Amino acid sequence: MDGRALLFVGPDGSGRFTLAEAMGITFQIPRVVSYTTRPQRGKETEGKEYYFVTSEEFIDIENKGEFIEVVQADGYHYGIKKSDCERLLNEAGSFFAILSPEGCEIFRNLFEKNLTIFVYADKETVIQRQRDRGDDEVTIDRHISHYEQIMDYQSKCDIVIPNYDLASTAQELTNRIEQFLNLTYHPDSKY
């Protein structure tokens, strides 16, 4: 598929969603929204963070071959429709996605022009952020159980960025994405 894809990966609580959304606003790039069987969290909006579907609805979509990727995490299913990606590429020429390492690998193989961005924070910080957003201890323990596995994926990403101060992290990431999108000329850019 033609077009540019910004692919965000990182442990739960790293701030990858917040940074991805900020970059989407900064560059006016739409986000491809995943479908999930996970319950909706308090401040989440249907169709913004996710499309929340039942297990039966998810299986039906999957059986029709509509998903590019399907990932199971923490007992829930997540998937992104190929038609949603194609629509965004046709309308905007690019999109961003927030993915698991497994999903990121699939997208890297589908989209030649991609930039993988690994966002992280130390374990104590991500635990505190999850508590601050109201996650219960069982959910946090589930997320932390695969923290190290997700952290191992950073070696496969184009950009690895710690996120402790949102403003400075967003500024650094903006500069790197500008290079990828060819918005400014950087003679040392690999993009």
C-alpha atoms as a PDB file:
ATOM      1  CA  MET A   1       0.000   0.000   0.000  1.00  0.00           C
ATOM      2  CA  ASP A   2       1.193   3.483  -0.846  1.00  0.00           C
ATOM      3  CA  GLY A   3       1.341   6.310   1.665  1.00  0.00           C
ATOM      4  CA  ARG A   4       3.123   6.961   4.927  1.00  0.00           C
ATOM      5  CA  ALA A   5       2.425   5.228   8.208  1.00  0.00           C
ATOM      6  CA  LEU A   6       3.560   6.410  11.637  1.00  0.00           C
ATOM      7  CA  LEU A   7       3.569   3.369  13.911  1.00  0.00           C
ATOM      8  CA  PHE A   8       3.632   3.940  17.679  1.00  0.00           C
ATOM      9  CA  VAL A   9       4.640   1.137  20.045  1.00  0.00           C
ATOM     10  CA  GLY A  10       5.439   0.986  23.754  1.00  0.00           C
ATOM     11  CA  PRO A  11       4.374  -0.371  27.109  1.00  0.00           C
ATOM     12  CA  ASP A  12       0.976   0.471  28.526  1.00  0.00           C
ATOM     13  CA  GLY A  13       1.309   3.696  30.514  1.00  0.00           C
ATOM     14  CA  SER A  14       4.319   4.949  28.521  1.00  0.00           C
ATOM     15  CA  GLY A  15       2.322   7.806  27.024  1.00  0.00           C
ATOM     16  CA  ARG A  16       2.440   6.428  23.481  1.00  0.00           C
ATOM     17  CA  PHE A  17      -1.256   7.164  22.968  1.00  0.00           C
ATOM     18  CA  THR A  18      -0.931  10.762  24.196  1.00  0.00           C
ATOM     19  CA  LEU A  19       2.163  11.387  22.054  1.00  0.00           C
ATOM     20  CA  ALA A  20       0.626   9.732  19.008  1.00  0.00           C
ATOM     21  CA  GLU A  21      -2.487  11.890  19.331  1.00  0.00           C
ATOM     22  CA  ALA A  22      -0.336  15.019  19.752  1.00  0.00           C
ATOM     23  CA  MET A  23       1.627  14.165  16.605  1.00  0.00           C
ATOM     24  CA  GLY A  24      -1.605  13.508  14.733  1.00  0.00           C
ATOM     25  CA  ILE A  25      -2.847  16.977  15.657  1.00  0.00           C
ATOM     26  CA  THR A  26       0.500  18.648  14.934  1.00  0.00           C
ATOM     27  CA  PHE A  27       0.815  17.127  11.463  1.00  0.00           C
ATOM     28  CA  GLN A  28      -2.911  16.751  10.777  1.00  0.00           C
ATOM     29  CA  ILE A  29      -2.519  13.025  10.250  1.00  0.00           C
ATOM     30  CA  PRO A  30      -5.531  10.858  11.105  1.00  0.00           C
ATOM     31  CA  ARG A  31      -5.344   7.832  13.373  1.00  0.00           C
ATOM     32  CA  VAL A  32      -6.567   4.473  12.246  1.00  0.00           C
ATOM     33  CA  VAL A  33      -8.870   3.275  15.026  1.00  0.00           C
ATOM     34  CA  SER A  34      -8.624  -0.305  16.278  1.00  0.00           C
ATOM     35  CA  TYR A  35     -11.522  -2.577  17.111  1.00  0.00           C
ATOM     36  CA  THR A  36     -11.439  -4.284  20.493  1.00  0.00           C
ATOM     37  CA  THR A  37     -13.400  -6.587  22.737  1.00  0.00           C
ATOM     38  CA  ARG A  38     -11.909  -4.820  25.774  1.00  0.00           C
ATOM     39  CA  PRO A  39     -14.380  -2.955  27.991  1.00  0.00           C
ATOM     40  CA  GLN A  40     -14.541   0.790  27.493  1.00  0.00           C
ATOM     41  CA  ARG A  41     -12.659   2.829  30.120  1.00  0.00           C
ATOM     42  CA  GLY A  42     -14.300   5.802  31.803  1.00  0.00           C
ATOM     43  CA  LYS A  43     -13.113   8.658  29.579  1.00  0.00           C
ATOM     44  CA  GLU A  44     -12.931   6.724  26.307  1.00  0.00           C
ATOM     45  CA  THR A  45     -15.251   7.593  23.445  1.00  0.00           C
ATOM     46  CA  GLU A  46     -16.597   5.049  20.958  1.00  0.00           C
ATOM     47  CA  GLY A  47     -14.821   5.511  17.636  1.00  0.00           C
ATOM     48  CA  LYS A  48     -12.107   7.761  19.052  1.00  0.00           C
ATOM     49  CA  GLU A  49      -9.823   5.513  21.099  1.00  0.00           C
ATOM     50  CA  TYR A  50     -11.353   2.247  19.860  1.00  0.00           C
ATOM     51  CA  TYR A  51     -14.423   0.736  18.311  1.00  0.00           C
ATOM     52  CA  PHE A  52     -15.779  -1.392  21.146  1.00  0.00           C
ATOM     53  CA  VAL A  53     -17.369  -4.588  19.858  1.00  0.00           C
ATOM     54  CA  THR A  54     -18.565  -7.857  21.336  1.00  0.00           C
ATOM     55  CA  SER A  55     -16.532 -11.034  20.914  1.00  0.00           C
ATOM     56  CA  GLU A  56     -19.132 -12.283  18.437  1.00  0.00           C
ATOM     57  CA  GLU A  57     -18.905  -9.103  16.348  1.00  0.00           C
ATOM     58  CA  PHE A  58     -15.113  -9.275  16.387  1.00  0.00           C
ATOM     59  CA  ILE A  59     -15.066 -12.910  15.265  1.00  0.00           C
ATOM     60  CA  ASP A  60     -17.520 -12.099  12.474  1.00  0.00           C
ATOM     61  CA  ILE A  61     -15.283  -9.279  11.180  1.00  0.00           C
ATOM     62  CA  GLU A  62     -12.233 -11.530  11.468  1.00  0.00           C
ATOM     63  CA  ASN A  63     -13.932 -14.414   9.646  1.00  0.00           C
ATOM     64  CA  LYS A  64     -14.780 -12.056   6.788  1.00  0.00           C
ATOM     65  CA  GLY A  65     -11.043 -11.322   6.434  1.00  0.00           C
ATOM     66  CA  GLU A  66     -11.498  -7.604   7.070  1.00  0.00           C
ATOM     67  CA  PHE A  67      -8.663  -7.198   9.588  1.00  0.00           C
ATOM     68  CA  ILE A  68      -5.052  -6.531   8.576  1.00  0.00           C
ATOM     69  CA  GLU A  69      -3.896  -7.706  11.958  1.00  0.00           C
ATOM     70  CA  VAL A  70      -5.419  -9.321  14.986  1.00  0.00           C
ATOM     71  CA  VAL A  71      -3.705  -9.371  18.356  1.00  0.00           C
ATOM     72  CA  GLN A  72      -4.795 -10.897  21.629  1.00  0.00           C
ATOM     73  CA  ALA A  73      -3.561  -9.143  24.765  1.00  0.00           C
ATOM     74  CA  ASP A  74      -4.682  -9.482  28.353  1.00  0.00           C
ATOM     75  CA  GLY A  75      -7.550 -11.734  27.261  1.00  0.00           C
ATOM     76  CA  TYR A  76      -8.993  -9.241  24.771  1.00  0.00           C
ATOM     77  CA  HIS A  77      -8.856  -9.050  20.989  1.00  0.00           C
ATOM     78  CA  TYR A  78      -7.657  -6.055  18.992  1.00  0.00           C
ATOM     79  CA  GLY A  79      -7.760  -5.582  15.235  1.00  0.00           C
ATOM     80  CA  ILE A  80      -7.421  -2.951  12.524  1.00  0.00           C
ATOM     81  CA  LYS A  81      -9.473  -3.108   9.350  1.00  0.00           C
ATOM     82  CA  LYS A  82      -7.687  -2.938   6.021  1.00  0.00           C
ATOM     83  CA  SER A  83     -10.503  -0.793   4.610  1.00  0.00           C
ATOM     84  CA  ASP A  84      -9.953   1.826   7.347  1.00  0.00           C
ATOM     85  CA  CYS A  85      -6.251   2.107   6.430  1.00  0.00           C
ATOM     86  CA  GLU A  86      -7.005   2.316   2.719  1.00  0.00           C
ATOM     87  CA  ARG A  87      -9.627   5.019   3.296  1.00  0.00           C
ATOM     88  CA  LEU A  88      -7.219   7.153   5.355  1.00  0.00           C
ATOM     89  CA  LEU A  89      -4.430   6.744   2.806  1.00  0.00           C
ATOM     90  CA  ASN A  90      -6.782   7.801   0.007  1.00  0.00           C
ATOM     91  CA  GLU A  91      -8.139  10.760   1.971  1.00  0.00           C
ATOM     92  CA  ALA A  92      -5.012  11.992   3.768  1.00  0.00           C
ATOM     93  CA  GLY A  93      -2.020  10.206   2.234  1.00  0.00           C
ATOM     94  CA  SER A  94      -0.894   8.987   5.639  1.00  0.00           C
ATOM     95  CA  PHE A  95      -2.099   7.777   9.012  1.00  0.00           C
ATOM     96  CA  PHE A  96      -0.805   6.832  12.415  1.00  0.00           C
ATOM     97  CA  ALA A  97      -1.514   3.693  14.395  1.00  0.00           C
ATOM     98  CA  ILE A  98      -0.930   2.656  17.989  1.00  0.00           C
ATOM     99  CA  LEU A  99       0.142  -0.969  17.910  1.00  0.00           C
ATOM    100  CA  SER A 100       1.543  -3.916  19.792  1.00  0.00           C
ATOM    101  CA  PRO A 101       4.960  -5.170  18.663  1.00  0.00           C
ATOM    102  CA  GLU A 102       3.213  -7.967  16.738  1.00  0.00           C
ATOM    103  CA  GLY A 103       0.898  -5.537  14.992  1.00  0.00           C
ATOM    104  CA  CYS A 104       3.794  -3.222  14.227  1.00  0.00           C
ATOM    105  CA  GLU A 105       5.645  -6.027  12.410  1.00  0.00           C
ATOM    106  CA  ILE A 106       2.617  -6.686  10.218  1.00  0.00           C
ATOM    107  CA  PHE A 107       2.245  -2.995   9.369  1.00  0.00           C
ATOM    108  CA  ARG A 108       5.967  -2.610   8.662  1.00  0.00           C
ATOM    109  CA  ASN A 109       5.658  -5.332   6.047  1.00  0.00           C
ATOM    110  CA  LEU A 110       2.553  -3.770   4.462  1.00  0.00           C
ATOM    111  CA  PHE A 111       3.632  -0.139   4.315  1.00  0.00           C
ATOM    112  CA  GLU A 112       6.968   0.575   2.653  1.00  0.00           C
ATOM    113  CA  LYS A 113       7.059   4.157   3.938  1.00  0.00           C
ATOM    114  CA  ASN A 114       6.747   3.690   7.672  1.00  0.00           C
ATOM    115  CA  LEU A 115       8.320   5.170  10.748  1.00  0.00           C
ATOM    116  CA  THR A 116       8.272   3.075  13.915  1.00  0.00           C
ATOM    117  CA  ILE A 117       8.309   5.075  17.125  1.00  0.00           C
ATOM    118  CA  PHE A 118       8.946   3.332  20.435  1.00  0.00           C
ATOM    119  CA  VAL A 119       7.775   5.357  23.448  1.00  0.00           C
ATOM    120  CA  TYR A 120       8.776   4.207  26.914  1.00  0.00           C
ATOM    121  CA  ALA A 121       9.117   5.067  30.581  1.00  0.00           C
ATOM    122  CA  ASP A 122      10.531   3.021  33.442  1.00  0.00           C
ATOM    123  CA  LYS A 123       8.375   0.380  35.098  1.00  0.00           C
ATOM    124  CA  GLU A 124       7.597   2.458  38.205  1.00  0.00           C
ATOM    125  CA  THR A 125       6.435   5.391  36.077  1.00  0.00           C
ATOM    126  CA  VAL A 126       4.130   3.320  33.877  1.00  0.00           C
ATOM    127  CA  ILE A 127       2.628   1.660  36.954  1.00  0.00           C
ATOM    128  CA  GLN A 128       1.929   5.076  38.513  1.00  0.00           C
ATOM    129  CA  ARG A 129       0.412   6.407  35.284  1.00  0.00           C
ATOM    130  CA  GLN A 130      -1.900   3.414  35.092  1.00  0.00           C
ATOM    131  CA  ARG A 131      -2.977   3.988  38.705  1.00  0.00           C
ATOM    132  CA  ASP A 132      -3.510   7.687  37.980  1.00  0.00           C
ATOM    133  CA  ARG A 133      -5.886   6.865  35.122  1.00  0.00           C
ATOM    134  CA  GLY A 134      -7.850   4.521  37.367  1.00  0.00           C
ATOM    135  CA  ASP A 135      -6.674   1.058  36.311  1.00  0.00           C
ATOM    136  CA  ASP A 136      -7.175  -1.587  38.994  1.00  0.00           C
ATOM    137  CA  GLU A 137      -4.229  -3.593  40.347  1.00  0.00           C
ATOM    138  CA  VAL A 138      -5.210  -6.756  38.443  1.00  0.00           C
ATOM    139  CA  THR A 139      -5.137  -4.850  35.142  1.00  0.00           C
ATOM    140  CA  ILE A 140      -1.842  -3.176  36.033  1.00  0.00           C
ATOM    141  CA  ASP A 141      -0.276  -6.531  36.954  1.00  0.00           C
ATOM    142  CA  ARG A 142      -1.421  -7.936  33.607  1.00  0.00           C
ATOM    143  CA  HIS A 143       0.161  -5.024  31.735  1.00  0.00           C
ATOM    144  CA  ILE A 144       3.393  -5.200  33.719  1.00  0.00           C
ATOM    145  CA  SER A 145       3.687  -8.955  33.153  1.00  0.00           C
ATOM    146  CA  HIS A 146       4.756  -8.264  29.562  1.00  0.00           C
ATOM    147  CA  TYR A 147       6.582  -4.957  30.136  1.00  0.00           C
ATOM    148  CA  GLU A 148      10.049  -6.483  29.528  1.00  0.00           C
ATOM    149  CA  GLN A 149       8.878  -8.304  26.403  1.00  0.00           C
ATOM    150  CA  ILE A 150       7.542  -5.055  24.938  1.00  0.00           C
ATOM    151  CA  MET A 151      10.710  -3.184  25.955  1.00  0.00           C
ATOM    152  CA  ASP A 152      12.763  -5.711  23.960  1.00  0.00           C
ATOM    153  CA  TYR A 153      11.040  -4.501  20.783  1.00  0.00           C
ATOM    154  CA  GLN A 154      12.690  -1.076  20.909  1.00  0.00           C
ATOM    155  CA  SER A 155      15.765  -2.367  19.062  1.00  0.00           C
ATOM    156  CA  LYS A 156      13.589  -2.858  15.963  1.00  0.00           C
ATOM    157  CA  CYS A 157      12.223   0.705  15.922  1.00  0.00           C
ATOM    158  CA  ASP A 158      13.424   3.767  14.007  1.00  0.00           C
ATOM    159  CA  ILE A 159      12.955   6.142  16.928  1.00  0.00           C
ATOM    160  CA  VAL A 160      13.251   5.199  20.601  1.00  0.00           C
ATOM    161  CA  ILE A 161      12.153   8.006  22.872  1.00  0.00           C
ATOM    162  CA  PRO A 162      11.756   8.188  26.653  1.00  0.00           C
ATOM    163  CA  ASN A 163       8.643  10.005  27.809  1.00  0.00           C
ATOM    164  CA  TYR A 164       8.986  11.692  31.183  1.00  0.00           C
ATOM    165  CA  ASP A 165       8.253  15.289  30.170  1.00  0.00           C
ATOM    166  CA  LEU A 166       5.492  15.460  27.568  1.00  0.00           C
ATOM    167  CA  ALA A 167       6.417  18.893  26.164  1.00  0.00           C
ATOM    168  CA  SER A 168      10.091  18.114  25.522  1.00  0.00           C
ATOM    169  CA  THR A 169       9.324  14.618  24.241  1.00  0.00           C
ATOM    170  CA  ALA A 170       6.705  16.009  21.853  1.00  0.00           C
ATOM    171  CA  GLN A 171       9.152  18.640  20.556  1.00  0.00           C
ATOM    172  CA  GLU A 172      11.888  16.088  19.910  1.00  0.00           C
ATOM    173  CA  LEU A 173       9.437  13.745  18.226  1.00  0.00           C
ATOM    174  CA  THR A 174       8.052  16.584  16.086  1.00  0.00           C
ATOM    175  CA  ASN A 175      11.546  17.289  14.751  1.00  0.00           C
ATOM    176  CA  ARG A 176      12.115  13.629  13.875  1.00  0.00           C
ATOM    177  CA  ILE A 177       8.738  13.214  12.188  1.00  0.00           C
ATOM    178  CA  GLU A 178       9.288  16.380  10.132  1.00  0.00           C
ATOM    179  CA  GLN A 179      12.306  14.641   8.621  1.00  0.00           C
ATOM    180  CA  PHE A 180      10.277  11.542   7.809  1.00  0.00           C
ATOM    181  CA  LEU A 181       7.503  13.568   6.193  1.00  0.00           C
ATOM    182  CA  ASN A 182      10.069  15.677   4.314  1.00  0.00           C
ATOM    183  CA  LEU A 183       8.600  18.871   5.729  1.00  0.00           C
ATOM    184  CA  THR A 184      12.070  20.326   6.170  1.00  0.00           C
ATOM    185  CA  TYR A 185      15.368  19.501   4.545  1.00  0.00           C
ATOM    186  CA  HIS A 186      17.834  17.660   6.742  1.00  0.00           C
ATOM    187  CA  PRO A 187      20.948  16.484   4.862  1.00  0.00           C
ATOM    188  CA  ASP A 188      21.607  13.744   7.425  1.00  0.00           C
ATOM    189  CA  SER A 189      18.076  12.354   7.295  1.00  0.00           C
ATOM    190  CA  LYS A 190      17.722   8.701   6.357  1.00  0.00           C
ATOM    191  CA  TYR A 191      14.115   9.347   5.356  1.00  0.00           C
END
